[in-house]
Amino acid sequence: MIGKLKGIVDAIGESHAIIDVNGVGYEVQISSRTLRKLKVGESASLTIDTHVREDAIRLYGFTSEVERSWFRTLQTVQGVGSKVALGVLGVLSTNDLANAIALQNSAAVEQAPGVGKKLAQRIVAELKDKAPALSVAGLNVGSAVKGAPVSDDGPVEGMAAAEAISALSNLGYNPGQASAAVAAALKDLGTEADTAQLIRRGLKELAR
């Protein structure tokens, strides 16, 4: 099984890229968000999810382990296949997706191609308890595409949110509650808020 590819971007298609690894070109299915970060002739390192079928082997590429984890987790929801999962990750960063689920904002998920209102509602409902662990796991994961930022929304905001969620969880709140409270705090205070501010605002949110 292929878990990672590092090579030169040989070509870019509508929903895939060809990655040249020592003269061998691998066709990798990639979200539109990640495709925009790639440039022909430049190097790229992608985390790969390999799907083996009777008639084909498909490779799906991601900028980080957490993005791949979201791809896999999205497909645990009935009605979500690899194409829809890539579509969701194409319109929402992993942080945006985690916040949408924490806030039960199905409208944000509904923006993805192939996702209707009912499916979007199912996604945010079924994944609400999985979002906190996935979002925190990805906050310190560096980008795999050359020249891209450390995370989709920046490392400072990510670290503060991770620490706030961890602190609230240590106080006895379940991960889903902690994540939702911190997401609401970020929405109110903005991305410049530090850990202490997020914790205080999160506690007020949980006290409602």
N, C-alpha and C. Protein backbone atom coordinates (compact mmCIF):
# COMPACT_ATOMS: atom_id res chain seq x y z
N MET A 1 0.85 -1.20 0.00
CA MET A 1 0.00 0.00 0.00
C MET A 1 0.88 1.25 0.00
N ILE A 2 0.51 2.22 -0.80
CA ILE A 2 1.26 3.47 -0.87
C ILE A 2 0.70 4.44 0.17
N GLY A 3 1.57 4.94 1.06
CA GLY A 3 1.13 5.85 2.10
C GLY A 3 1.62 7.28 1.91
N LYS A 4 2.62 7.44 1.04
CA LYS A 4 3.17 8.79 0.81
C LYS A 4 3.88 8.82 -0.52
N LEU A 5 3.79 9.95 -1.21
CA LEU A 5 4.51 10.17 -2.46
C LEU A 5 5.23 11.50 -2.38
N LYS A 6 6.49 11.51 -2.79
CA LYS A 6 7.27 12.74 -2.84
C LYS A 6 7.95 12.81 -4.19
N GLY A 7 7.63 13.83 -4.97
CA GLY A 7 8.23 13.94 -6.29
C GLY A 7 7.92 15.28 -6.92
N ILE A 8 7.96 15.32 -8.24
CA ILE A 8 7.73 16.54 -8.99
C ILE A 8 6.34 16.50 -9.64
N VAL A 9 5.63 17.60 -9.57
CA VAL A 9 4.31 17.68 -10.20
C VAL A 9 4.51 17.73 -11.71
N ASP A 10 4.08 16.67 -12.38
CA ASP A 10 4.29 16.57 -13.83
C ASP A 10 3.14 17.18 -14.62
N ALA A 11 1.91 17.03 -14.08
CA ALA A 11 0.72 17.57 -14.76
C ALA A 11 -0.39 17.72 -13.75
N ILE A 12 -1.31 18.65 -14.05
CA ILE A 12 -2.46 18.89 -13.19
C ILE A 12 -3.74 18.84 -14.02
N GLY A 13 -4.68 18.01 -13.60
CA GLY A 13 -5.96 17.90 -14.28
C GLY A 13 -7.06 18.56 -13.48
N GLU A 14 -8.30 18.31 -13.86
CA GLU A 14 -9.43 18.93 -13.17
C GLU A 14 -9.56 18.46 -11.74
N SER A 15 -9.29 17.18 -11.49
CA SER A 15 -9.43 16.65 -10.14
C SER A 15 -8.27 15.73 -9.76
N HIS A 16 -7.17 15.81 -10.51
CA HIS A 16 -6.03 14.94 -10.22
C HIS A 16 -4.73 15.61 -10.62
N ALA A 17 -3.65 15.02 -10.18
CA ALA A 17 -2.32 15.47 -10.57
C ALA A 17 -1.46 14.24 -10.84
N ILE A 18 -0.49 14.41 -11.71
CA ILE A 18 0.48 13.35 -11.96
C ILE A 18 1.76 13.72 -11.21
N ILE A 19 2.17 12.86 -10.30
CA ILE A 19 3.38 13.11 -9.52
C ILE A 19 4.48 12.18 -10.03
N ASP A 20 5.54 12.78 -10.53
CA ASP A 20 6.67 12.02 -11.07
C ASP A 20 7.64 11.69 -9.93
N VAL A 21 7.72 10.38 -9.64
CA VAL A 21 8.62 9.92 -8.59
C VAL A 21 9.70 9.05 -9.25
N ASN A 22 10.86 9.63 -9.43
CA ASN A 22 11.98 8.91 -10.05
C ASN A 22 11.61 8.32 -11.41
N GLY A 23 10.90 9.09 -12.21
CA GLY A 23 10.56 8.66 -13.56
C GLY A 23 9.25 7.91 -13.69
N VAL A 24 8.61 7.60 -12.57
CA VAL A 24 7.31 6.91 -12.60
C VAL A 24 6.22 7.92 -12.25
N GLY A 25 5.23 8.05 -13.13
CA GLY A 25 4.16 9.01 -12.90
C GLY A 25 2.97 8.37 -12.20
N TYR A 26 2.62 8.89 -11.05
CA TYR A 26 1.47 8.39 -10.30
C TYR A 26 0.30 9.35 -10.44
N GLU A 27 -0.85 8.84 -10.86
CA GLU A 27 -2.05 9.68 -10.96
C GLU A 27 -2.73 9.69 -9.59
N VAL A 28 -2.85 10.87 -9.03
CA VAL A 28 -3.40 11.02 -7.68
C VAL A 28 -4.64 11.90 -7.71
N GLN A 29 -5.74 11.40 -7.16
CA GLN A 29 -6.97 12.18 -7.03
C GLN A 29 -6.79 13.15 -5.87
N ILE A 30 -7.07 14.43 -6.12
CA ILE A 30 -6.80 15.46 -5.12
C ILE A 30 -7.94 16.47 -5.07
N SER A 31 -8.21 17.01 -3.89
CA SER A 31 -9.26 18.01 -3.75
C SER A 31 -8.87 19.29 -4.47
N SER A 32 -9.86 20.08 -4.83
CA SER A 32 -9.59 21.33 -5.54
C SER A 32 -8.76 22.29 -4.69
N ARG A 33 -8.95 22.25 -3.37
CA ARG A 33 -8.18 23.12 -2.47
C ARG A 33 -6.69 22.79 -2.56
N THR A 34 -6.37 21.50 -2.53
CA THR A 34 -4.98 21.08 -2.60
C THR A 34 -4.40 21.30 -3.99
N LEU A 35 -5.20 21.06 -5.02
CA LEU A 35 -4.73 21.27 -6.39
C LEU A 35 -4.27 22.70 -6.62
N ARG A 36 -4.96 23.65 -5.99
CA ARG A 36 -4.60 25.06 -6.16
C ARG A 36 -3.21 25.37 -5.58
N LYS A 37 -2.74 24.53 -4.68
CA LYS A 37 -1.44 24.76 -4.06
C LYS A 37 -0.29 24.14 -4.87
N LEU A 38 -0.64 23.26 -5.80
CA LEU A 38 0.38 22.59 -6.60
C LEU A 38 0.72 23.38 -7.85
N LYS A 39 1.97 23.26 -8.29
CA LYS A 39 2.40 23.90 -9.53
C LYS A 39 3.26 22.93 -10.32
N VAL A 40 2.98 22.86 -11.61
CA VAL A 40 3.74 21.96 -12.48
C VAL A 40 5.23 22.31 -12.43
N GLY A 41 6.05 21.29 -12.25
CA GLY A 41 7.49 21.49 -12.20
C GLY A 41 8.06 21.67 -10.81
N GLU A 42 7.16 21.87 -9.82
CA GLU A 42 7.62 22.03 -8.44
C GLU A 42 7.47 20.73 -7.66
N SER A 43 8.20 20.62 -6.58
CA SER A 43 8.14 19.41 -5.77
C SER A 43 6.91 19.43 -4.87
N ALA A 44 6.44 18.25 -4.53
CA ALA A 44 5.30 18.11 -3.63
C ALA A 44 5.42 16.81 -2.87
N SER A 45 4.97 16.82 -1.64
CA SER A 45 4.96 15.61 -0.83
C SER A 45 3.53 15.42 -0.34
N LEU A 46 2.92 14.31 -0.72
CA LEU A 46 1.51 14.07 -0.41
C LEU A 46 1.31 12.81 0.42
N THR A 47 0.48 12.92 1.43
CA THR A 47 0.05 11.74 2.17
C THR A 47 -0.99 11.04 1.31
N ILE A 48 -0.87 9.74 1.16
CA ILE A 48 -1.72 9.00 0.23
C ILE A 48 -2.67 8.02 0.93
N ASP A 49 -3.88 7.95 0.42
CA ASP A 49 -4.83 6.92 0.84
C ASP A 49 -5.07 6.04 -0.39
N THR A 50 -4.71 4.78 -0.30
CA THR A 50 -4.81 3.87 -1.44
C THR A 50 -6.09 3.06 -1.38
N HIS A 51 -6.89 3.12 -2.45
CA HIS A 51 -8.12 2.33 -2.55
C HIS A 51 -7.92 1.25 -3.61
N VAL A 52 -8.03 0.01 -3.19
CA VAL A 52 -7.86 -1.11 -4.11
C VAL A 52 -9.23 -1.71 -4.44
N ARG A 53 -9.54 -1.72 -5.71
CA ARG A 53 -10.78 -2.31 -6.19
C ARG A 53 -10.46 -3.46 -7.14
N GLU A 54 -11.46 -4.22 -7.49
CA GLU A 54 -11.24 -5.34 -8.40
C GLU A 54 -10.72 -4.88 -9.75
N ASP A 55 -11.19 -3.73 -10.19
CA ASP A 55 -10.84 -3.26 -11.53
C ASP A 55 -9.86 -2.10 -11.56
N ALA A 56 -9.47 -1.61 -10.39
CA ALA A 56 -8.58 -0.44 -10.39
C ALA A 56 -7.96 -0.19 -9.02
N ILE A 57 -6.85 0.53 -9.03
CA ILE A 57 -6.22 1.01 -7.80
C ILE A 57 -6.21 2.54 -7.89
N ARG A 58 -6.83 3.19 -6.93
CA ARG A 58 -6.89 4.65 -6.94
C ARG A 58 -6.10 5.23 -5.78
N LEU A 59 -5.39 6.30 -6.08
CA LEU A 59 -4.61 7.00 -5.07
C LEU A 59 -5.24 8.36 -4.78
N TYR A 60 -5.42 8.67 -3.51
CA TYR A 60 -5.98 9.96 -3.10
C TYR A 60 -4.90 10.69 -2.30
N GLY A 61 -4.61 11.93 -2.68
CA GLY A 61 -3.52 12.65 -2.05
C GLY A 61 -3.96 13.81 -1.17
N PHE A 62 -3.22 14.03 -0.08
CA PHE A 62 -3.57 15.06 0.90
C PHE A 62 -2.32 15.78 1.40
N THR A 63 -2.51 16.99 1.88
CA THR A 63 -1.38 17.78 2.36
C THR A 63 -0.90 17.36 3.74
N SER A 64 -1.71 16.59 4.47
CA SER A 64 -1.34 16.21 5.83
C SER A 64 -2.08 14.94 6.26
N GLU A 65 -1.61 14.38 7.35
CA GLU A 65 -2.25 13.19 7.92
C GLU A 65 -3.67 13.51 8.38
N VAL A 66 -3.85 14.71 8.93
CA VAL A 66 -5.18 15.05 9.45
C VAL A 66 -6.19 15.19 8.31
N GLU A 67 -5.75 15.72 7.17
CA GLU A 67 -6.67 15.84 6.04
C GLU A 67 -7.07 14.44 5.55
N ARG A 68 -6.11 13.52 5.54
CA ARG A 68 -6.45 12.15 5.15
C ARG A 68 -7.40 11.52 6.17
N SER A 69 -7.20 11.82 7.44
CA SER A 69 -8.09 11.28 8.48
C SER A 69 -9.52 11.79 8.29
N TRP A 70 -9.64 13.07 7.93
CA TRP A 70 -10.97 13.62 7.66
C TRP A 70 -11.60 12.94 6.45
N PHE A 71 -10.79 12.69 5.43
CA PHE A 71 -11.26 12.01 4.22
C PHE A 71 -11.85 10.65 4.59
N ARG A 72 -11.14 9.91 5.40
CA ARG A 72 -11.60 8.59 5.82
C ARG A 72 -12.83 8.68 6.72
N THR A 73 -12.81 9.64 7.63
CA THR A 73 -13.92 9.78 8.58
C THR A 73 -15.20 10.21 7.88
N LEU A 74 -15.09 11.11 6.93
CA LEU A 74 -16.27 11.55 6.18
C LEU A 74 -16.97 10.36 5.51
N GLN A 75 -16.19 9.40 5.07
CA GLN A 75 -16.77 8.26 4.36
C GLN A 75 -17.45 7.25 5.29
N THR A 76 -17.36 7.47 6.60
CA THR A 76 -18.09 6.62 7.54
C THR A 76 -19.57 7.01 7.59
N VAL A 77 -19.87 8.18 7.02
CA VAL A 77 -21.26 8.65 6.98
C VAL A 77 -21.94 8.06 5.75
N GLN A 78 -23.11 7.50 5.97
CA GLN A 78 -23.86 6.88 4.87
C GLN A 78 -24.14 7.92 3.77
N GLY A 79 -23.83 7.54 2.54
CA GLY A 79 -24.06 8.44 1.42
C GLY A 79 -22.85 9.26 1.02
N VAL A 80 -21.76 9.12 1.79
CA VAL A 80 -20.53 9.86 1.47
C VAL A 80 -19.48 8.89 0.94
N GLY A 81 -19.13 9.05 -0.32
CA GLY A 81 -18.08 8.25 -0.93
C GLY A 81 -16.83 9.09 -1.09
N SER A 82 -15.84 8.54 -1.76
CA SER A 82 -14.57 9.26 -1.93
C SER A 82 -14.75 10.58 -2.69
N LYS A 83 -15.60 10.59 -3.70
CA LYS A 83 -15.80 11.80 -4.50
C LYS A 83 -16.41 12.92 -3.67
N VAL A 84 -17.44 12.58 -2.89
CA VAL A 84 -18.09 13.59 -2.04
C VAL A 84 -17.14 14.07 -0.95
N ALA A 85 -16.39 13.14 -0.36
CA ALA A 85 -15.44 13.50 0.70
C ALA A 85 -14.40 14.49 0.17
N LEU A 86 -13.89 14.23 -1.04
CA LEU A 86 -12.94 15.17 -1.65
C LEU A 86 -13.60 16.51 -1.93
N GLY A 87 -14.87 16.47 -2.32
CA GLY A 87 -15.60 17.70 -2.59
C GLY A 87 -15.72 18.56 -1.34
N VAL A 88 -16.01 17.92 -0.20
CA VAL A 88 -16.12 18.65 1.07
C VAL A 88 -14.78 19.28 1.42
N LEU A 89 -13.71 18.51 1.29
CA LEU A 89 -12.37 19.02 1.62
C LEU A 89 -11.90 20.05 0.61
N GLY A 90 -12.56 20.10 -0.54
CA GLY A 90 -12.21 21.09 -1.54
C GLY A 90 -12.76 22.47 -1.23
N VAL A 91 -13.87 22.53 -0.50
CA VAL A 91 -14.47 23.82 -0.18
C VAL A 91 -14.23 24.26 1.27
N LEU A 92 -13.89 23.31 2.14
CA LEU A 92 -13.66 23.63 3.55
C LEU A 92 -12.28 23.14 3.98
N SER A 93 -11.53 23.98 4.66
CA SER A 93 -10.28 23.53 5.25
C SER A 93 -10.62 22.59 6.39
N THR A 94 -9.65 21.85 6.90
CA THR A 94 -9.94 20.93 8.01
C THR A 94 -10.42 21.70 9.24
N ASN A 95 -9.87 22.89 9.47
CA ASN A 95 -10.32 23.70 10.60
C ASN A 95 -11.75 24.19 10.39
N ASP A 96 -12.05 24.64 9.17
CA ASP A 96 -13.41 25.10 8.87
C ASP A 96 -14.41 23.97 9.01
N LEU A 97 -14.03 22.78 8.56
CA LEU A 97 -14.92 21.63 8.66
C LEU A 97 -15.17 21.26 10.11
N ALA A 98 -14.10 21.28 10.91
CA ALA A 98 -14.24 20.97 12.34
C ALA A 98 -15.16 21.98 13.02
N ASN A 99 -15.01 23.26 12.68
CA ASN A 99 -15.85 24.29 13.27
C ASN A 99 -17.30 24.14 12.82
N ALA A 100 -17.50 23.81 11.55
CA ALA A 100 -18.86 23.63 11.03
C ALA A 100 -19.57 22.50 11.77
N ILE A 101 -18.84 21.43 12.02
CA ILE A 101 -19.43 20.29 12.74
C ILE A 101 -19.68 20.64 14.20
N ALA A 102 -18.71 21.31 14.81
CA ALA A 102 -18.86 21.68 16.22
C ALA A 102 -20.06 22.60 16.43
N LEU A 103 -20.28 23.51 15.48
CA LEU A 103 -21.39 24.46 15.57
C LEU A 103 -22.65 23.93 14.90
N GLN A 104 -22.58 22.68 14.38
CA GLN A 104 -23.70 22.06 13.67
C GLN A 104 -24.19 22.96 12.53
N ASN A 105 -23.21 23.53 11.83
CA ASN A 105 -23.49 24.43 10.71
C ASN A 105 -23.53 23.62 9.41
N SER A 106 -24.65 22.98 9.16
CA SER A 106 -24.77 22.13 7.98
C SER A 106 -24.73 22.94 6.68
N ALA A 107 -25.11 24.21 6.75
CA ALA A 107 -25.12 25.06 5.56
C ALA A 107 -23.72 25.19 4.97
N ALA A 108 -22.70 25.22 5.83
CA ALA A 108 -21.32 25.33 5.35
C ALA A 108 -20.92 24.07 4.58
N VAL A 109 -21.31 22.92 5.11
CA VAL A 109 -20.97 21.65 4.47
C VAL A 109 -21.76 21.49 3.17
N GLU A 110 -22.95 22.07 3.13
CA GLU A 110 -23.82 21.95 1.95
C GLU A 110 -23.23 22.64 0.72
N GLN A 111 -22.21 23.48 0.92
CA GLN A 111 -21.58 24.17 -0.20
C GLN A 111 -20.80 23.20 -1.10
N ALA A 112 -20.45 22.05 -0.56
CA ALA A 112 -19.64 21.09 -1.32
C ALA A 112 -20.45 20.46 -2.44
N PRO A 113 -19.82 20.23 -3.59
CA PRO A 113 -20.53 19.59 -4.71
C PRO A 113 -20.99 18.19 -4.35
N GLY A 114 -22.23 17.88 -4.71
CA GLY A 114 -22.77 16.56 -4.43
C GLY A 114 -23.35 16.39 -3.04
N VAL A 115 -23.36 17.48 -2.26
CA VAL A 115 -23.89 17.42 -0.90
C VAL A 115 -25.18 18.23 -0.82
N GLY A 116 -26.28 17.53 -0.58
CA GLY A 116 -27.56 18.20 -0.42
C GLY A 116 -27.81 18.53 1.04
N LYS A 117 -28.94 19.14 1.31
CA LYS A 117 -29.27 19.59 2.66
C LYS A 117 -29.31 18.43 3.65
N LYS A 118 -29.98 17.34 3.29
CA LYS A 118 -30.12 16.21 4.21
C LYS A 118 -28.78 15.55 4.50
N LEU A 119 -27.95 15.40 3.46
CA LEU A 119 -26.64 14.77 3.66
C LEU A 119 -25.75 15.66 4.52
N ALA A 120 -25.82 16.96 4.29
CA ALA A 120 -25.02 17.90 5.10
C ALA A 120 -25.42 17.81 6.57
N GLN A 121 -26.71 17.72 6.83
CA GLN A 121 -27.20 17.60 8.20
C GLN A 121 -26.74 16.29 8.83
N ARG A 122 -26.72 15.23 8.02
CA ARG A 122 -26.27 13.92 8.53
C ARG A 122 -24.79 13.95 8.87
N ILE A 123 -24.01 14.63 8.02
CA ILE A 123 -22.56 14.71 8.25
C ILE A 123 -22.25 15.41 9.58
N VAL A 124 -22.83 16.59 9.79
CA VAL A 124 -22.52 17.33 11.01
C VAL A 124 -23.07 16.63 12.25
N ALA A 125 -24.18 15.93 12.10
CA ALA A 125 -24.78 15.23 13.25
C ALA A 125 -23.96 14.00 13.64
N GLU A 126 -23.57 13.20 12.64
CA GLU A 126 -22.88 11.95 12.93
C GLU A 126 -21.42 12.14 13.32
N LEU A 127 -20.82 13.25 12.92
CA LEU A 127 -19.39 13.44 13.19
C LEU A 127 -19.10 14.39 14.35
N LYS A 128 -20.13 14.84 15.05
CA LYS A 128 -19.92 15.85 16.10
C LYS A 128 -19.00 15.37 17.22
N ASP A 129 -18.99 14.05 17.50
CA ASP A 129 -18.12 13.56 18.57
C ASP A 129 -16.72 13.21 18.07
N LYS A 130 -16.55 13.15 16.74
CA LYS A 130 -15.24 12.81 16.19
C LYS A 130 -14.44 14.06 15.81
N ALA A 131 -15.11 15.16 15.61
CA ALA A 131 -14.45 16.39 15.15
C ALA A 131 -13.36 16.91 16.10
N PRO A 132 -13.60 16.95 17.42
CA PRO A 132 -12.57 17.51 18.31
C PRO A 132 -11.23 16.81 18.20
N ALA A 133 -11.23 15.48 18.24
CA ALA A 133 -9.97 14.73 18.19
C ALA A 133 -9.26 14.97 16.86
N LEU A 134 -10.00 15.00 15.78
CA LEU A 134 -9.40 15.20 14.46
C LEU A 134 -8.83 16.60 14.32
N SER A 135 -9.57 17.61 14.80
CA SER A 135 -9.11 18.98 14.64
C SER A 135 -7.87 19.24 15.48
N VAL A 136 -7.84 18.73 16.71
CA VAL A 136 -6.68 18.93 17.57
C VAL A 136 -5.48 18.18 17.00
N ALA A 137 -5.71 16.99 16.44
CA ALA A 137 -4.61 16.19 15.89
C ALA A 137 -3.92 16.92 14.75
N GLY A 138 -4.65 17.75 14.03
CA GLY A 138 -4.08 18.40 12.87
C GLY A 138 -3.46 19.75 13.12
N LEU A 139 -3.55 20.26 14.34
CA LEU A 139 -3.10 21.62 14.57
C LEU A 139 -1.58 21.78 14.48
N ASN A 140 -0.82 20.72 14.75
CA ASN A 140 0.64 20.82 14.69
C ASN A 140 1.21 20.09 13.49
N VAL A 141 0.36 19.68 12.57
CA VAL A 141 0.83 18.96 11.38
C VAL A 141 1.24 19.96 10.33
N GLY A 142 2.49 19.90 9.88
CA GLY A 142 2.99 20.83 8.87
C GLY A 142 2.40 20.54 7.51
N SER A 143 2.41 21.55 6.66
CA SER A 143 1.91 21.36 5.30
C SER A 143 2.89 20.54 4.49
N ALA A 144 2.35 19.73 3.58
CA ALA A 144 3.21 18.88 2.76
C ALA A 144 3.53 19.51 1.42
N VAL A 145 2.84 20.58 1.09
CA VAL A 145 3.10 21.21 -0.20
C VAL A 145 4.09 22.35 -0.01
N LYS A 146 5.13 22.34 -0.81
CA LYS A 146 6.20 23.32 -0.68
C LYS A 146 5.68 24.75 -0.73
N GLY A 147 6.08 25.53 0.30
CA GLY A 147 5.73 26.94 0.30
C GLY A 147 4.39 27.25 0.93
N ALA A 148 3.62 26.22 1.33
CA ALA A 148 2.31 26.45 1.93
C ALA A 148 2.48 26.72 3.42
N PRO A 149 1.50 27.38 4.07
CA PRO A 149 1.60 27.66 5.49
C PRO A 149 1.52 26.40 6.33
N VAL A 150 1.84 26.54 7.63
CA VAL A 150 1.87 25.37 8.51
C VAL A 150 0.52 24.71 8.63
N SER A 151 -0.53 25.50 8.70
CA SER A 151 -1.86 24.92 8.74
C SER A 151 -2.79 25.79 7.92
N ASP A 152 -4.01 25.31 7.67
CA ASP A 152 -4.93 26.04 6.82
C ASP A 152 -5.22 27.45 7.34
N ASP A 153 -5.31 27.57 8.67
CA ASP A 153 -5.69 28.85 9.22
C ASP A 153 -4.62 29.47 10.10
N GLY A 154 -3.42 28.91 10.07
CA GLY A 154 -2.31 29.51 10.81
C GLY A 154 -2.04 28.79 12.11
N PRO A 155 -0.77 28.65 12.51
CA PRO A 155 -0.40 27.91 13.70
C PRO A 155 -0.79 28.55 15.01
N VAL A 156 -0.79 29.89 15.09
CA VAL A 156 -1.10 30.54 16.36
C VAL A 156 -2.54 30.24 16.78
N GLU A 157 -3.47 30.47 15.89
CA GLU A 157 -4.86 30.19 16.19
C GLU A 157 -5.05 28.72 16.53
N GLY A 158 -4.39 27.85 15.77
CA GLY A 158 -4.54 26.42 15.98
C GLY A 158 -4.06 25.98 17.35
N MET A 159 -2.89 26.46 17.76
CA MET A 159 -2.35 26.09 19.07
C MET A 159 -3.24 26.59 20.19
N ALA A 160 -3.71 27.81 20.08
CA ALA A 160 -4.57 28.39 21.13
C ALA A 160 -5.86 27.58 21.24
N ALA A 161 -6.45 27.24 20.11
CA ALA A 161 -7.69 26.46 20.12
C ALA A 161 -7.46 25.08 20.71
N ALA A 162 -6.35 24.44 20.33
CA ALA A 162 -6.03 23.10 20.84
C ALA A 162 -5.87 23.12 22.36
N GLU A 163 -5.14 24.12 22.84
CA GLU A 163 -4.90 24.22 24.28
C GLU A 163 -6.20 24.52 25.03
N ALA A 164 -7.06 25.34 24.43
CA ALA A 164 -8.33 25.67 25.08
C ALA A 164 -9.24 24.44 25.14
N ILE A 165 -9.31 23.70 24.04
CA ILE A 165 -10.13 22.48 24.02
C ILE A 165 -9.62 21.49 25.05
N SER A 166 -8.29 21.33 25.13
CA SER A 166 -7.69 20.41 26.09
C SER A 166 -8.00 20.83 27.52
N ALA A 167 -7.91 22.14 27.79
CA ALA A 167 -8.17 22.65 29.14
C ALA A 167 -9.63 22.41 29.54
N LEU A 168 -10.54 22.68 28.65
CA LEU A 168 -11.96 22.48 28.95
C LEU A 168 -12.27 20.99 29.14
N SER A 169 -11.61 20.15 28.35
CA SER A 169 -11.81 18.70 28.49
C SER A 169 -11.30 18.24 29.85
N ASN A 170 -10.18 18.81 30.30
CA ASN A 170 -9.62 18.45 31.61
C ASN A 170 -10.52 18.89 32.75
N LEU A 171 -11.36 19.87 32.48
CA LEU A 171 -12.31 20.35 33.50
C LEU A 171 -13.55 19.46 33.57
N GLY A 172 -13.62 18.47 32.69
CA GLY A 172 -14.73 17.52 32.76
C GLY A 172 -15.75 17.60 31.64
N TYR A 173 -15.58 18.55 30.75
CA TYR A 173 -16.51 18.66 29.62
C TYR A 173 -16.12 17.64 28.55
N ASN A 174 -17.12 17.06 27.88
CA ASN A 174 -16.78 16.08 26.85
C ASN A 174 -16.19 16.82 25.63
N PRO A 175 -15.43 16.11 24.80
CA PRO A 175 -14.75 16.74 23.66
C PRO A 175 -15.67 17.51 22.73
N GLY A 176 -16.88 16.98 22.53
CA GLY A 176 -17.84 17.66 21.66
C GLY A 176 -18.24 19.01 22.22
N GLN A 177 -18.52 19.06 23.53
CA GLN A 177 -18.89 20.32 24.17
C GLN A 177 -17.73 21.31 24.14
N ALA A 178 -16.54 20.82 24.46
CA ALA A 178 -15.36 21.69 24.50
C ALA A 178 -15.07 22.28 23.12
N SER A 179 -15.15 21.44 22.10
CA SER A 179 -14.88 21.91 20.75
C SER A 179 -15.89 22.95 20.30
N ALA A 180 -17.17 22.69 20.58
CA ALA A 180 -18.22 23.63 20.20
C ALA A 180 -18.05 24.97 20.91
N ALA A 181 -17.67 24.92 22.20
CA ALA A 181 -17.49 26.15 22.97
C ALA A 181 -16.33 26.97 22.44
N VAL A 182 -15.23 26.30 22.11
CA VAL A 182 -14.05 27.00 21.58
C VAL A 182 -14.33 27.55 20.18
N ALA A 183 -15.07 26.79 19.40
CA ALA A 183 -15.43 27.27 18.05
C ALA A 183 -16.27 28.53 18.15
N ALA A 184 -17.21 28.54 19.09
CA ALA A 184 -18.05 29.72 19.29
C ALA A 184 -17.22 30.90 19.79
N ALA A 185 -16.24 30.59 20.66
CA ALA A 185 -15.37 31.64 21.18
C ALA A 185 -14.54 32.26 20.07
N LEU A 186 -14.02 31.41 19.19
CA LEU A 186 -13.24 31.91 18.06
C LEU A 186 -14.08 32.79 17.15
N LYS A 187 -15.33 32.39 16.97
CA LYS A 187 -16.23 33.15 16.11
C LYS A 187 -16.47 34.54 16.69
N ASP A 188 -16.60 34.62 18.02
CA ASP A 188 -16.87 35.90 18.67
C ASP A 188 -15.62 36.76 18.84
N LEU A 189 -14.51 36.12 19.23
CA LEU A 189 -13.30 36.88 19.58
C LEU A 189 -12.34 37.08 18.41
N GLY A 190 -12.47 36.24 17.38
CA GLY A 190 -11.57 36.36 16.24
C GLY A 190 -10.34 35.48 16.40
N THR A 191 -9.58 35.38 15.33
CA THR A 191 -8.44 34.46 15.30
C THR A 191 -7.24 34.92 16.11
N GLU A 192 -7.26 36.17 16.58
CA GLU A 192 -6.13 36.68 17.36
C GLU A 192 -6.25 36.34 18.85
N ALA A 193 -7.36 35.76 19.26
CA ALA A 193 -7.58 35.44 20.67
C ALA A 193 -6.55 34.42 21.16
N ASP A 194 -6.07 34.63 22.40
CA ASP A 194 -5.10 33.67 22.95
C ASP A 194 -5.83 32.57 23.73
N THR A 195 -5.07 31.65 24.26
CA THR A 195 -5.65 30.49 24.95
C THR A 195 -6.53 30.90 26.12
N ALA A 196 -6.03 31.79 26.96
CA ALA A 196 -6.78 32.21 28.15
C ALA A 196 -8.12 32.83 27.76
N GLN A 197 -8.11 33.68 26.74
CA GLN A 197 -9.34 34.32 26.29
C GLN A 197 -10.34 33.29 25.78
N LEU A 198 -9.84 32.31 25.05
CA LEU A 198 -10.72 31.27 24.51
C LEU A 198 -11.31 30.42 25.62
N ILE A 199 -10.51 30.15 26.64
CA ILE A 199 -11.01 29.35 27.76
C ILE A 199 -12.11 30.11 28.50
N ARG A 200 -11.85 31.39 28.81
CA ARG A 200 -12.84 32.19 29.53
C ARG A 200 -14.14 32.30 28.74
N ARG A 201 -14.00 32.60 27.45
CA ARG A 201 -15.20 32.73 26.61
C ARG A 201 -15.88 31.39 26.44
N GLY A 202 -15.10 30.32 26.36
CA GLY A 202 -15.65 28.98 26.23
C GLY A 202 -16.46 28.58 27.46
N LEU A 203 -15.93 28.93 28.63
CA LEU A 203 -16.64 28.61 29.87
C LEU A 203 -17.97 29.34 29.96
N LYS A 204 -17.99 30.60 29.50
CA LYS A 204 -19.25 31.35 29.48
C LYS A 204 -20.26 30.66 28.54
N GLU A 205 -19.75 30.19 27.43
CA GLU A 205 -20.61 29.51 26.45
C GLU A 205 -21.18 28.23 27.06
N LEU A 206 -20.37 27.49 27.79
CA LEU A 206 -20.80 26.23 28.38
C LEU A 206 -21.75 26.45 29.56
N ALA A 207 -21.68 27.64 30.16
CA ALA A 207 -22.53 27.93 31.32
C ALA A 207 -23.95 28.32 30.91
N ARG A 208 -24.18 28.54 29.64
CA ARG A 208 -25.50 28.96 29.17
C ARG A 208 -26.52 27.84 29.34
